[in-house]
Amino acid sequence: MTNLAGISVNLIEALRGIANGNGLQDRVRMMDAAGAPDFGRTIRVDEALAATRHLPDDECFTEAELVIVDAACAYLEITRLSDSKKAVANAIATALVHARRQ
C-alpha cells in the first residue's frame, strides 16, 4: 500500500530544500503524513521527486504549497507550467539534471 499523503509531504520538503539550494543527491528530512518531522529519517531529493509516480495524474498542489513550488522553480530559473504534483516533480527533476545540481 502506497502512502500518498507521505509522498506529498516529502515532496514539499524536497521542494523546500531545492528552493534553499539542495540538489538531487542531497538529503532532506522526512515528514509524517500529518506534516510533522519524522525525526532521524531523511530522504534524497531525487527519491522524493521519483515517488510522485505513485500519485494520481490529477493530484494538484494547494495554494499554500504553490508558494514553495514557485520558490523552487525560481531558484532553478524555470517557469511552472502546471499545478500537478507529478508534472512539477518531473519538470524540476529535469531542470536539476540539466543544471547538474546533483
Protein backbone atom coordinates (compact mmCIF):
# COMPACT_ATOMS: atom_id res chain seq x y z
CA MET A 1 0.00 0.00 0.00
CA THR A 2 1.42 3.35 -1.04
CA ASN A 3 1.29 6.23 1.45
CA LEU A 4 0.12 9.04 -0.85
CA ALA A 5 -0.02 11.60 1.96
CA GLY A 6 3.57 10.77 2.93
CA ILE A 7 4.70 11.13 -0.67
CA SER A 8 3.10 14.56 -0.87
CA VAL A 9 4.61 15.91 2.34
CA ASN A 10 8.07 14.56 1.44
CA LEU A 11 7.73 16.18 -1.99
CA ILE A 12 7.07 19.53 -0.32
CA GLU A 13 10.17 19.11 1.87
CA ALA A 14 12.23 18.24 -1.21
CA LEU A 15 10.93 21.35 -2.99
CA ARG A 16 11.69 23.46 0.08
CA GLY A 17 15.22 22.01 0.02
CA ILE A 18 15.62 22.81 -3.68
CA ALA A 19 14.49 26.38 -3.06
CA ASN A 20 17.31 26.55 -0.50
CA GLY A 21 19.95 25.15 -2.84
CA ASN A 22 19.71 21.38 -2.41
CA GLY A 23 20.44 19.13 -5.39
CA LEU A 24 19.19 15.70 -6.45
CA GLN A 25 21.61 13.75 -4.27
CA ASP A 26 21.10 15.88 -1.17
CA ARG A 27 19.01 14.61 1.72
CA VAL A 28 16.06 16.40 3.30
CA ARG A 29 14.20 15.43 6.45
CA MET A 30 11.21 13.16 6.02
CA MET A 31 7.82 14.18 7.30
CA ASP A 32 4.96 12.03 8.53
CA ALA A 33 1.59 12.14 6.78
CA ALA A 34 0.47 14.96 9.09
CA GLY A 35 3.45 17.09 8.04
CA ALA A 36 5.38 16.74 11.30
CA PRO A 37 9.12 15.91 11.19
CA ASP A 38 9.84 12.18 11.24
CA PHE A 39 12.89 12.58 13.48
CA GLY A 40 16.06 10.89 12.36
CA ARG A 41 14.76 9.96 8.93
CA THR A 42 15.82 11.60 5.69
CA ILE A 43 15.12 11.08 2.01
CA ARG A 44 17.16 12.08 -1.02
CA VAL A 45 15.62 14.80 -3.15
CA ASP A 46 15.64 12.54 -6.23
CA GLU A 47 13.80 9.81 -4.30
CA ALA A 48 11.11 12.25 -3.14
CA LEU A 49 10.65 13.52 -6.71
CA ALA A 50 10.55 10.00 -8.17
CA ALA A 51 7.96 8.83 -5.62
CA THR A 52 5.40 11.10 -7.26
CA ARG A 53 4.96 8.39 -9.92
CA HIS A 54 2.57 6.79 -7.41
CA LEU A 55 0.37 9.88 -7.21
CA PRO A 56 -2.73 10.29 -9.39
CA ASP A 57 -2.05 12.39 -12.50
CA ASP A 58 -4.66 14.94 -11.44
CA GLU A 59 -3.34 15.49 -7.89
CA CYS A 60 -2.52 19.18 -7.62
CA PHE A 61 -0.76 21.41 -5.12
CA THR A 62 -2.72 23.63 -2.75
CA GLU A 63 -2.30 27.38 -2.90
CA ALA A 64 -0.03 27.27 0.17
CA GLU A 65 2.11 24.54 -1.39
CA LEU A 66 2.39 26.51 -4.64
CA VAL A 67 4.35 29.19 -2.76
CA ILE A 68 7.04 26.56 -2.05
CA VAL A 69 6.81 25.16 -5.59
CA ASP A 70 7.26 28.62 -7.08
CA ALA A 71 10.27 29.28 -4.83
CA ALA A 72 11.91 26.06 -6.08
CA CYS A 73 11.11 26.98 -9.68
CA ALA A 74 12.50 30.47 -9.17
CA TYR A 75 15.72 29.05 -7.73
CA LEU A 76 16.08 26.84 -10.82
CA GLU A 77 15.04 29.70 -13.11
CA ILE A 78 12.18 27.73 -14.66
CA THR A 79 8.52 28.57 -15.11
CA ARG A 80 5.91 26.37 -13.50
CA LEU A 81 3.59 25.19 -16.26
CA SER A 82 1.21 23.12 -14.16
CA ASP A 83 -0.26 22.70 -10.69
CA SER A 84 0.05 18.90 -10.98
CA LYS A 85 2.41 17.37 -8.42
CA LYS A 86 3.61 14.75 -10.88
CA ALA A 87 4.22 17.23 -13.71
CA VAL A 88 6.04 19.69 -11.45
CA ALA A 89 8.23 16.94 -9.96
CA ASN A 90 9.22 15.78 -13.46
CA ALA A 91 9.98 19.32 -14.63
CA ILE A 92 12.08 20.08 -11.55
CA ALA A 93 14.00 16.79 -11.77
CA THR A 94 14.76 17.53 -15.43
CA ALA A 95 15.89 21.07 -14.58
CA LEU A 96 18.17 19.79 -11.81
CA VAL A 97 19.75 17.25 -14.16
CA HIS A 98 20.31 19.87 -16.85
CA ALA A 99 21.72 22.32 -14.30
CA ARG A 100 23.89 19.48 -12.92
CA ARG A 101 22.81 20.30 -9.40
CA GLN A 102 23.33 16.83 -8.10
